Amino acid sequence: MKLNSLAFRLFATAAAWTLIALPIVGLVIYSLINALIMDNFDRRLRLQAWVIQAESVDAELGPVRPGNVGEPLFEVENSGWYWQIKPLKPGLGASLASASLVDGELPLPHQDGESVREGEAHWLNTTGSTGQPLRIVELIGAVGEGADAPRYSFTVAGPLEWPRAEINSFATVLALALALTGIALLVATFLQVRVGLRPLAAIERGLADIRSGRRERLDGEFPAEIAPLQVELNALITSNQDIVDRARTQVGNLAHALKTPLAVLTNEADQTRSPLAEKVSEQAEVMRSQITHYLYRARMAARANTIGQVTPVREVAEGLKRALERIHQAREIGFTLKCDPGLVFRGERQDLEELLGNLLDNAAKWAATRVSMDVSEADRGPEPDRPGKWLRIVIDDDGDGVPEDQRTDMVRRGKRLDETKPGSGLGLSIVNDLVGAYRGHLAFGQSPSGGLRAELILPAAS
């Protein structure tokens, strides 16, 4: 999954949302459960305070020690569960406390001088005599009737460790559940992205097969969202082939239409011996050369843009090697070829024959004893940012070579560096035009044996 891929963007977006949403949901749930547990604990303390108040009030005797209040821990020393009954004013009797409070005394939540109402609960978080955190609730009640009836503080304390332990236990379970949910969501998102984008990978493979010549159309069943793309791509491939066919037909028609008038002009000029006739014959030949050149370039451009044409390199190279060995047999020029059988040129056979034939023939003309050709996969193409596979073809000879300042003139149309050798000067120009049509690269340098090296970078197919 590459960083700039659609799959990574979809997965990263979903993962970011999951990693943001789950902690927020966890905090909300934790806050609600924390409030619920603390509220239940406060209700329990308040209920204990009401029970103690109800069980300890005697209209004649005043506050008395309550009986069973439903919590055995009130009888266990320093258990954290305490109750206390204390008069609000001095002289109304002694204070009462649970056995668990031993000799200690609970602080009163209400402040001295504070206006308090009967039945109203006052709360306080504090620390007990043993260092235990406590939650205290206080109810104010009168013993007896009338406005002058003495009032007492009924206080109950409970250990805060109890609700906090429940909260921590729930938080642990919640964190574990959310973590597992997050992992499951990430895995599900990854699988969803991989499965959802699988048709795009099938399209990529199909187009690669078309480019390499293994198929002519993009076939297969695709989802409803991808099916229109399949139809349009097949239509584009068909349209491309139709354009190439029409271009070939029109080029052929143009060549045929111009051939006859030029032949007539040339014949008429040859029958008339005059300076004008010679000039007409000369210019007709120039026109024929120009027309041949540009018609050939048009054919090359049409073939180079054809989708799905592939050619095995070794097969073509071996055929050219045998032909050139026969042609230069008298000079005893040796030809060596190094080429993997699996290397395939992404283009038409005729173009590859034109490319290699011109370069090998040129090398053979200038070689002293031998010509070598090495074909391999290129590390990269002429344009680093252009993807795809590429071929590297190196042709060396052991001749005298070409000075560096003259190498750029070799590909100029009609340019011949040595008039003693046979040729029209169009071969390397044709090679240069063909390489440009395939968006490849042609370079000349010095071979290890001192002669000329021609290096070609051409598109490859699988």
Protein backbone atom coordinates (compact mmCIF):
# COMPACT_ATOMS: atom_id res chain seq x y z
CA MET A 1 0.00 0.00 0.00
CA LYS A 2 1.88 3.05 -1.27
CA LEU A 3 1.65 6.42 0.47
CA ASN A 4 0.21 8.18 -2.58
CA SER A 5 -2.26 5.39 -3.43
CA LEU A 6 -6.02 5.58 -3.23
CA ALA A 7 -6.03 2.51 -0.96
CA PHE A 8 -3.74 4.22 1.56
CA ARG A 9 -5.85 7.39 1.54
CA LEU A 10 -9.04 5.44 2.21
CA PHE A 11 -7.42 3.32 4.91
CA ALA A 12 -5.67 6.29 6.56
CA THR A 13 -8.90 8.32 6.61
CA ALA A 14 -10.88 5.47 8.16
CA ALA A 15 -8.09 4.69 10.64
CA ALA A 16 -7.80 8.34 11.69
CA TRP A 17 -11.55 8.58 12.21
CA THR A 18 -11.51 5.33 14.24
CA LEU A 19 -8.59 6.47 16.41
CA ILE A 20 -10.32 9.81 17.06
CA ALA A 21 -13.88 8.57 17.51
CA LEU A 22 -13.20 5.61 19.83
CA PRO A 23 -11.33 7.61 22.52
CA ILE A 24 -14.07 10.26 22.47
CA VAL A 25 -16.75 7.59 22.82
CA GLY A 26 -14.71 5.99 25.60
CA LEU A 27 -14.44 9.27 27.50
CA VAL A 28 -18.18 9.90 27.19
CA ILE A 29 -19.04 6.37 28.41
CA TYR A 30 -16.49 6.64 31.23
CA SER A 31 -17.94 9.97 32.36
CA LEU A 32 -21.49 8.61 32.36
CA ILE A 33 -20.56 5.44 34.26
CA ASN A 34 -18.45 7.44 36.72
CA ALA A 35 -21.41 9.73 37.43
CA LEU A 36 -23.80 6.76 37.71
CA ILE A 37 -21.62 4.81 40.16
CA MET A 38 -20.98 7.88 42.33
CA ASP A 39 -24.69 8.73 42.28
CA ASN A 40 -25.57 5.19 43.39
CA PHE A 41 -22.99 5.41 46.18
CA ASP A 42 -24.42 8.75 47.35
CA ARG A 43 -27.92 7.28 47.35
CA ARG A 44 -26.72 4.42 49.50
CA LEU A 45 -25.11 6.82 51.99
CA ARG A 46 -28.21 9.00 52.08
CA LEU A 47 -30.43 5.94 52.61
CA GLN A 48 -28.22 4.81 55.53
CA ALA A 49 -28.48 8.30 57.04
CA TRP A 50 -32.29 8.22 56.80
CA VAL A 51 -32.41 4.78 58.39
CA ILE A 52 -30.14 5.86 61.26
CA GLN A 53 -32.20 8.99 61.80
CA ALA A 54 -35.44 7.02 61.84
CA GLU A 55 -34.10 4.29 64.13
CA SER A 56 -32.44 6.66 66.64
CA VAL A 57 -35.11 9.28 67.32
CA ASP A 58 -37.08 8.89 70.57
CA ALA A 59 -39.39 11.76 71.47
CA GLU A 60 -38.96 11.19 75.22
CA LEU A 61 -35.39 10.03 75.55
CA GLY A 62 -33.89 11.95 72.64
CA PRO A 63 -31.46 10.24 70.27
CA VAL A 64 -30.77 6.59 71.11
CA ARG A 65 -28.37 4.11 69.58
CA PRO A 66 -30.09 2.63 66.54
CA GLY A 67 -30.53 -1.09 66.17
CA ASN A 68 -29.76 -3.05 63.04
CA VAL A 69 -29.26 -0.59 60.18
CA GLY A 70 -28.49 -3.23 57.51
CA GLU A 71 -24.71 -2.76 57.29
CA PRO A 72 -22.50 -5.10 59.36
CA LEU A 73 -19.39 -3.02 58.61
CA PHE A 74 -20.66 -0.36 61.03
CA GLU A 75 -19.57 -2.79 63.76
CA VAL A 76 -16.06 -3.45 62.34
CA GLU A 77 -13.35 -1.14 63.64
CA ASN A 78 -11.97 1.32 61.09
CA SER A 79 -13.91 -0.38 58.28
CA GLY A 80 -14.57 2.93 56.55
CA TRP A 81 -18.31 2.71 57.23
CA TYR A 82 -19.25 5.02 60.10
CA TRP A 83 -22.27 6.76 61.51
CA GLN A 84 -22.46 9.54 64.03
CA ILE A 85 -25.25 11.43 65.88
CA LYS A 86 -24.24 14.77 67.33
CA PRO A 87 -26.26 17.67 68.80
CA LEU A 88 -25.91 20.97 66.97
CA LYS A 89 -25.81 22.90 70.27
CA PRO A 90 -23.86 22.09 73.45
CA GLY A 91 -25.76 20.77 76.48
CA LEU A 92 -28.20 18.60 74.54
CA GLY A 93 -26.48 15.36 75.44
CA ALA A 94 -23.54 13.27 74.38
CA SER A 95 -22.75 12.27 70.80
CA LEU A 96 -23.35 8.73 69.57
CA ALA A 97 -21.20 6.86 67.06
CA SER A 98 -20.86 3.47 65.44
CA ALA A 99 -18.48 0.89 66.88
CA SER A 100 -16.38 1.16 63.74
CA LEU A 101 -15.51 4.79 64.52
CA VAL A 102 -13.70 3.69 67.73
CA ASP A 103 -12.57 6.93 69.47
CA GLY A 104 -12.62 9.17 66.44
CA GLU A 105 -15.10 11.79 65.34
CA LEU A 106 -16.48 12.61 61.90
CA PRO A 107 -16.23 16.22 60.68
CA LEU A 108 -19.57 17.83 59.98
CA PRO A 109 -20.16 18.79 56.33
CA HIS A 110 -22.10 21.94 57.23
CA GLN A 111 -20.18 24.94 58.51
CA ASP A 112 -20.79 26.67 61.83
CA GLY A 113 -23.23 29.52 61.45
CA GLU A 114 -24.52 28.12 58.18
CA SER A 115 -28.25 28.15 57.76
CA VAL A 116 -29.33 24.50 57.54
CA ARG A 117 -32.72 23.02 56.84
CA GLU A 118 -34.14 19.77 58.12
CA GLY A 119 -33.92 16.93 55.62
CA GLU A 120 -31.34 18.73 53.51
CA ALA A 121 -28.23 16.67 52.75
CA HIS A 122 -24.74 18.11 53.11
CA TRP A 123 -21.74 16.38 51.53
CA LEU A 124 -18.04 16.29 52.26
CA ASN A 125 -15.05 14.37 50.93
CA THR A 126 -12.36 13.95 53.53
CA THR A 127 -9.74 11.58 54.91
CA GLY A 128 -10.39 9.32 57.88
CA SER A 129 -8.16 8.76 60.88
CA THR A 130 -6.48 5.83 59.11
CA GLY A 131 -5.80 7.87 55.97
CA GLN A 132 -8.70 6.30 54.12
CA PRO A 133 -10.63 8.66 51.77
CA LEU A 134 -14.24 9.04 52.92
CA ARG A 135 -17.49 10.36 51.51
CA ILE A 136 -19.69 11.91 54.23
CA VAL A 137 -23.38 12.80 54.11
CA GLU A 138 -25.13 14.76 56.84
CA LEU A 139 -28.84 15.14 57.57
CA ILE A 140 -30.19 17.64 60.09
CA GLY A 141 -33.24 16.53 62.09
CA ALA A 142 -35.17 17.68 65.17
CA VAL A 143 -35.98 15.35 68.07
CA GLY A 144 -39.42 16.25 69.33
CA GLU A 145 -42.00 18.72 68.17
CA GLY A 146 -42.13 22.48 68.13
CA ALA A 147 -39.82 25.19 67.01
CA ASP A 148 -37.67 24.76 70.11
CA ALA A 149 -37.11 21.05 69.61
CA PRO A 150 -33.40 20.26 69.74
CA ARG A 151 -31.75 19.50 66.43
CA TYR A 152 -29.11 16.88 65.76
CA SER A 153 -26.65 16.04 62.99
CA PHE A 154 -27.07 12.51 61.60
CA THR A 155 -23.87 11.73 59.71
CA VAL A 156 -22.88 8.64 57.70
CA ALA A 157 -19.50 8.04 56.04
CA GLY A 158 -18.52 5.47 53.45
CA PRO A 159 -15.15 4.58 51.87
CA LEU A 160 -14.56 6.23 48.49
CA GLU A 161 -12.40 3.25 47.57
CA TRP A 162 -15.54 1.23 46.88
CA PRO A 163 -16.97 3.32 44.01
CA ARG A 164 -13.51 4.14 42.73
CA ALA A 165 -12.64 0.44 42.53
CA GLU A 166 -15.82 -0.16 40.51
CA ILE A 167 -15.00 2.77 38.25
CA ASN A 168 -11.42 1.60 37.68
CA SER A 169 -12.58 -1.94 36.97
CA PHE A 170 -15.11 -0.67 34.46
CA ALA A 171 -12.51 1.65 32.89
CA THR A 172 -10.13 -1.30 32.39
CA VAL A 173 -12.83 -3.38 30.74
CA LEU A 174 -13.95 -0.41 28.64
CA ALA A 175 -10.40 0.37 27.46
CA LEU A 176 -9.82 -3.28 26.55
CA ALA A 177 -13.16 -3.47 24.70
CA LEU A 178 -12.50 -0.24 22.77
CA ALA A 179 -8.95 -1.35 21.91
CA LEU A 180 -10.22 -4.66 20.53
CA THR A 181 -12.98 -2.82 18.70
CA GLY A 182 -10.43 -0.42 17.20
CA ILE A 183 -8.19 -3.27 16.04
CA ALA A 184 -11.18 -5.09 14.57
CA LEU A 185 -12.31 -1.93 12.77
CA LEU A 186 -8.83 -1.33 11.35
CA VAL A 187 -8.59 -4.90 10.12
CA ALA A 188 -12.10 -4.68 8.65
CA THR A 189 -11.24 -1.36 6.99
CA PHE A 190 -8.06 -2.79 5.51
CA LEU A 191 -9.92 -5.80 4.13
CA GLN A 192 -12.72 -3.57 2.87
CA VAL A 193 -10.26 -1.33 1.02
CA ARG A 194 -8.40 -4.30 -0.46
CA VAL A 195 -11.58 -6.04 -1.57
CA GLY A 196 -13.29 -2.84 -2.69
CA LEU A 197 -10.37 -1.73 -4.86
CA ARG A 198 -9.64 -5.17 -6.29
CA PRO A 199 -11.46 -4.37 -9.58
CA LEU A 200 -9.01 -1.51 -10.15
CA ALA A 201 -6.12 -3.97 -9.85
CA ALA A 202 -7.89 -6.19 -12.40
CA ILE A 203 -8.14 -3.20 -14.76
CA GLU A 204 -4.43 -2.48 -14.26
CA ARG A 205 -3.53 -6.07 -15.12
CA GLY A 206 -5.86 -6.01 -18.12
CA LEU A 207 -4.33 -2.82 -19.49
CA ALA A 208 -0.83 -4.24 -18.94
CA ASP A 209 -1.86 -7.31 -20.95
CA ILE A 210 -3.16 -5.05 -23.72
CA ARG A 211 0.06 -3.03 -23.76
CA SER A 212 2.13 -6.23 -23.88
CA GLY A 213 0.02 -7.72 -26.68
CA ARG A 214 -1.46 -10.62 -24.72
CA ARG A 215 -5.00 -9.25 -25.09
CA GLU A 216 -6.79 -6.88 -27.44
CA ARG A 217 -9.65 -5.76 -25.17
CA LEU A 218 -10.37 -5.24 -21.50
CA ASP A 219 -12.58 -8.22 -20.68
CA GLY A 220 -14.13 -9.48 -17.46
CA GLU A 221 -17.00 -8.76 -15.06
CA PHE A 222 -16.66 -5.50 -13.13
CA PRO A 223 -18.86 -3.74 -10.54
CA ALA A 224 -21.50 -1.30 -11.73
CA GLU A 225 -19.28 1.69 -10.83
CA ILE A 226 -16.34 0.32 -12.87
CA ALA A 227 -18.26 -1.08 -15.84
CA PRO A 228 -18.60 2.33 -17.60
CA LEU A 229 -14.82 2.77 -17.34
CA GLN A 230 -14.35 -0.63 -18.97
CA VAL A 231 -16.67 0.34 -21.83
CA GLU A 232 -14.89 3.67 -22.39
CA LEU A 233 -11.43 2.09 -22.33
CA ASN A 234 -12.44 -0.54 -24.88
CA ALA A 235 -13.94 2.19 -27.04
CA LEU A 236 -10.69 4.18 -26.74
CA ILE A 237 -8.62 1.16 -27.79
CA THR A 238 -10.88 0.54 -30.78
CA SER A 239 -10.77 4.22 -31.71
CA ASN A 240 -6.96 4.24 -31.50
CA GLN A 241 -6.72 1.24 -33.80
CA ASP A 242 -9.16 2.84 -36.26
CA ILE A 243 -7.13 6.07 -36.31
CA VAL A 244 -3.92 4.15 -36.98
CA ASP A 245 -5.54 2.16 -39.78
CA ARG A 246 -6.93 5.32 -41.37
CA ALA A 247 -3.54 7.03 -41.10
CA ARG A 248 -1.84 4.11 -42.81
CA THR A 249 -4.43 4.10 -45.57
CA GLN A 250 -4.18 7.85 -46.14
CA VAL A 251 -0.37 7.75 -46.15
CA GLY A 252 -0.44 4.94 -48.69
CA ASN A 253 -2.96 6.82 -50.85
CA LEU A 254 -0.86 9.99 -50.70
CA ALA A 255 2.29 8.11 -51.67
CA HIS A 256 0.51 6.47 -54.60
CA ALA A 257 -1.05 9.79 -55.72
CA LEU A 258 2.31 11.62 -55.75
CA LYS A 259 4.35 8.80 -57.28
CA THR A 260 2.82 9.05 -60.75
CA PRO A 261 3.13 12.87 -61.23
CA LEU A 262 6.75 12.78 -60.05
CA ALA A 263 7.51 9.91 -62.41
CA VAL A 264 5.98 11.86 -65.30
CA LEU A 265 8.03 14.98 -64.46
CA THR A 266 11.22 12.95 -64.19
CA ASN A 267 10.63 11.14 -67.51
CA GLU A 268 9.83 14.35 -69.34
CA ALA A 269 12.92 16.04 -67.94
CA ASP A 270 15.12 13.09 -68.86
CA GLN A 271 13.91 13.24 -72.49
CA THR A 272 14.73 16.94 -72.79
CA ARG A 273 18.37 17.89 -72.50
CA SER A 274 18.46 21.46 -71.23
CA PRO A 275 19.43 23.34 -68.06
CA LEU A 276 15.74 23.64 -67.17
CA ALA A 277 15.18 19.91 -67.61
CA GLU A 278 18.18 19.11 -65.44
CA LYS A 279 16.90 21.47 -62.75
CA VAL A 280 13.41 19.93 -62.91
CA SER A 281 14.89 16.42 -62.67
CA GLU A 282 17.08 17.46 -59.75
CA GLN A 283 14.21 19.07 -57.83
CA ALA A 284 11.88 16.15 -58.62
CA GLU A 285 14.42 13.85 -57.03
CA VAL A 286 14.58 16.15 -53.99
CA MET A 287 10.79 16.11 -53.80
CA ARG A 288 10.76 12.31 -54.02
CA SER A 289 13.34 12.09 -51.24
CA GLN A 290 11.39 14.53 -49.05
CA ILE A 291 8.08 12.78 -49.67
CA THR A 292 9.61 9.39 -48.94
CA HIS A 293 11.15 10.69 -45.74
CA TYR A 294 8.05 12.37 -44.33
CA LEU A 295 5.71 9.59 -45.41
CA TYR A 296 7.97 7.17 -43.63
CA ARG A 297 7.89 9.34 -40.53
CA ALA A 298 4.09 9.39 -40.67
CA ARG A 299 4.02 5.59 -40.88
CA MET A 300 6.44 5.39 -37.96
CA ALA A 301 4.31 7.70 -35.82
CA ALA A 302 1.21 5.64 -36.59
CA ARG A 303 2.93 2.36 -35.74
CA ALA A 304 4.59 3.71 -32.59
CA ASN A 305 1.22 4.77 -31.16
CA THR A 306 -0.42 1.42 -31.85
CA ILE A 307 -1.55 -0.29 -28.65
CA GLY A 308 -0.72 -3.95 -28.11
CA GLN A 309 2.08 -4.50 -30.68
CA VAL A 310 5.06 -6.44 -29.26
CA THR A 311 8.16 -8.04 -30.84
CA PRO A 312 10.68 -10.54 -29.38
CA VAL A 313 14.10 -8.89 -29.62
CA ARG A 314 16.29 -11.98 -29.87
CA GLU A 315 14.39 -13.35 -32.87
CA VAL A 316 14.83 -10.12 -34.83
CA ALA A 317 18.46 -9.67 -33.75
CA GLU A 318 19.46 -13.20 -34.77
CA GLY A 319 17.87 -12.74 -38.21
CA LEU A 320 19.77 -9.49 -38.78
CA LYS A 321 23.00 -11.08 -37.51
CA ARG A 322 22.76 -13.91 -40.05
CA ALA A 323 21.97 -11.50 -42.90
CA LEU A 324 24.86 -9.16 -42.08
CA GLU A 325 27.30 -12.03 -41.69
CA ARG A 326 26.52 -13.04 -45.26
CA ILE A 327 26.75 -9.47 -46.56
CA HIS A 328 30.14 -8.81 -44.93
CA GLN A 329 31.48 -12.33 -45.34
CA ALA A 330 34.31 -11.15 -47.58
CA ARG A 331 35.60 -8.79 -44.86
CA GLU A 332 35.34 -11.53 -42.22
CA ILE A 333 33.47 -9.30 -39.79
CA GLY A 334 32.47 -11.25 -36.67
CA PHE A 335 29.10 -10.58 -35.02
CA THR A 336 28.37 -11.43 -31.38
CA LEU A 337 24.93 -11.24 -29.78
CA LYS A 338 23.98 -11.29 -26.13
CA CYS A 339 20.23 -11.17 -25.55
CA ASP A 340 17.88 -12.89 -23.12
CA PRO A 341 15.09 -14.74 -25.02
CA GLY A 342 12.49 -13.20 -22.71
CA LEU A 343 13.17 -9.59 -23.71
CA VAL A 344 10.31 -8.09 -25.73
CA PHE A 345 10.12 -4.76 -27.56
CA ARG A 346 6.83 -2.89 -27.15
CA GLY A 347 6.33 -1.94 -30.79
CA GLU A 348 6.10 -3.30 -34.30
CA ARG A 349 8.58 -5.80 -35.72
CA GLN A 350 9.23 -3.66 -38.80
CA ASP A 351 10.34 -0.74 -36.64
CA LEU A 352 12.70 -2.88 -34.54
CA GLU A 353 14.21 -4.34 -37.71
CA GLU A 354 14.68 -0.81 -39.06
CA LEU A 355 16.35 0.35 -35.84
CA LEU A 356 18.71 -2.57 -35.32
CA GLY A 357 19.37 -3.07 -39.04
CA ASN A 358 20.56 0.50 -39.60
CA LEU A 359 22.74 0.55 -36.48
CA LEU A 360 24.27 -2.90 -37.11
CA ASP A 361 24.87 -2.13 -40.79
CA ASN A 362 26.51 1.18 -39.89
CA ALA A 363 28.72 -0.58 -37.30
CA ALA A 364 29.67 -3.31 -39.81
CA LYS A 365 30.69 -0.74 -42.44
CA TRP A 366 33.15 0.90 -40.04
CA ALA A 367 34.26 -2.13 -38.00
CA ALA A 368 37.72 -3.59 -38.43
CA THR A 369 37.02 -7.17 -37.32
CA ARG A 370 33.96 -7.42 -35.10
CA VAL A 371 30.57 -5.98 -34.06
CA SER A 372 28.82 -6.82 -30.78
CA MET A 373 25.27 -6.22 -29.59
CA ASP A 374 24.18 -6.51 -25.96
CA VAL A 375 20.47 -6.34 -25.04
CA SER A 376 19.33 -6.10 -21.41
CA GLU A 377 16.71 -4.55 -19.18
CA ALA A 378 17.33 -0.87 -18.47
CA ASP A 379 17.40 0.39 -14.89
CA ARG A 380 15.21 3.33 -15.91
CA GLY A 381 13.82 5.05 -18.97
CA PRO A 382 14.91 8.29 -20.62
CA GLU A 383 12.37 10.12 -18.46
CA PRO A 384 12.78 9.14 -14.77
CA ASP A 385 9.20 10.11 -13.89
CA ARG A 386 7.72 8.00 -16.71
CA PRO A 387 6.81 4.49 -15.47
CA GLY A 388 7.18 1.27 -17.43
CA LYS A 389 9.80 -1.27 -18.50
CA TRP A 390 12.66 -0.38 -20.83
CA LEU A 391 15.26 -2.10 -22.97
CA ARG A 392 18.93 -1.11 -23.22
CA ILE A 393 20.56 -2.05 -26.52
CA VAL A 394 24.30 -1.42 -26.91
CA ILE A 395 26.05 -1.91 -30.30
CA ASP A 396 29.86 -1.64 -30.39
CA ASP A 397 32.38 -1.88 -33.21
CA ASP A 398 36.17 -1.88 -33.24
CA GLY A 399 36.63 0.70 -36.02
CA ASP A 400 38.23 4.10 -35.85
CA GLY A 401 35.25 5.66 -34.07
CA VAL A 402 33.84 9.18 -34.49
CA PRO A 403 35.22 12.32 -32.81
CA GLU A 404 32.98 13.59 -30.05
CA ASP A 405 32.34 16.94 -31.75
CA GLN A 406 30.99 15.16 -34.87
CA ARG A 407 28.63 12.69 -33.16
CA THR A 408 25.72 15.11 -33.06
CA ASP A 409 25.85 15.50 -36.85
CA MET A 410 25.48 11.77 -37.45
CA VAL A 411 21.68 11.77 -37.13
CA ARG A 412 21.10 14.75 -39.44
CA ARG A 413 19.12 13.72 -42.49
CA GLY A 414 21.38 13.18 -45.53
CA LYS A 415 24.52 13.95 -43.54
CA ARG A 416 27.47 11.62 -44.34
CA LEU A 417 30.72 11.95 -42.41
CA ASP A 418 32.65 9.90 -44.98
CA GLU A 419 31.66 9.93 -48.65
CA THR A 420 33.90 6.92 -49.38
CA LYS A 421 31.45 4.57 -47.70
CA PRO A 422 28.24 3.56 -49.51
CA GLY A 423 24.91 4.94 -48.28
CA SER A 424 22.46 7.79 -48.53
CA GLY A 425 22.98 9.33 -45.10
CA LEU A 426 19.34 8.62 -44.15
CA GLY A 427 19.83 5.49 -42.01
CA LEU A 428 20.76 7.11 -38.70
CA SER A 429 18.25 9.89 -39.33
CA ILE A 430 15.53 7.24 -39.66
CA VAL A 431 16.77 5.58 -36.47
CA ASN A 432 16.65 8.90 -34.62
CA ASP A 433 13.10 9.59 -35.85
CA LEU A 434 11.94 6.11 -34.86
CA VAL A 435 13.46 6.41 -31.39
CA GLY A 436 11.72 9.76 -30.95
CA ALA A 437 8.39 8.26 -32.06
CA TYR A 438 8.70 5.62 -29.33
CA ARG A 439 9.84 8.26 -26.80
CA GLY A 440 13.11 6.41 -26.35
CA HIS A 441 16.71 7.63 -26.31
CA LEU A 442 19.67 7.32 -28.72
CA ALA A 443 23.23 8.21 -27.73
CA PHE A 444 26.65 7.71 -29.29
CA GLY A 445 29.92 7.26 -27.48
CA GLN A 446 33.22 5.41 -27.65
CA SER A 447 33.23 1.63 -27.39
CA PRO A 448 35.76 -0.19 -25.16
CA SER A 449 37.57 -1.38 -28.31
CA GLY A 450 38.02 2.21 -29.53
CA GLY A 451 35.26 2.28 -32.12
CA LEU A 452 31.78 3.74 -31.96
CA ARG A 453 29.16 2.77 -29.42
CA ALA A 454 25.46 3.27 -30.13
CA GLU A 455 23.17 2.99 -27.11
CA LEU A 456 19.40 2.66 -27.47
CA ILE A 457 16.71 2.92 -24.77
CA LEU A 458 13.39 1.54 -26.02
CA PRO A 459 10.09 0.60 -24.35
CA ALA A 460 9.80 -3.04 -23.27
CA ALA A 461 6.83 -5.33 -22.75
CA SER A 462 6.37 -8.10 -20.20
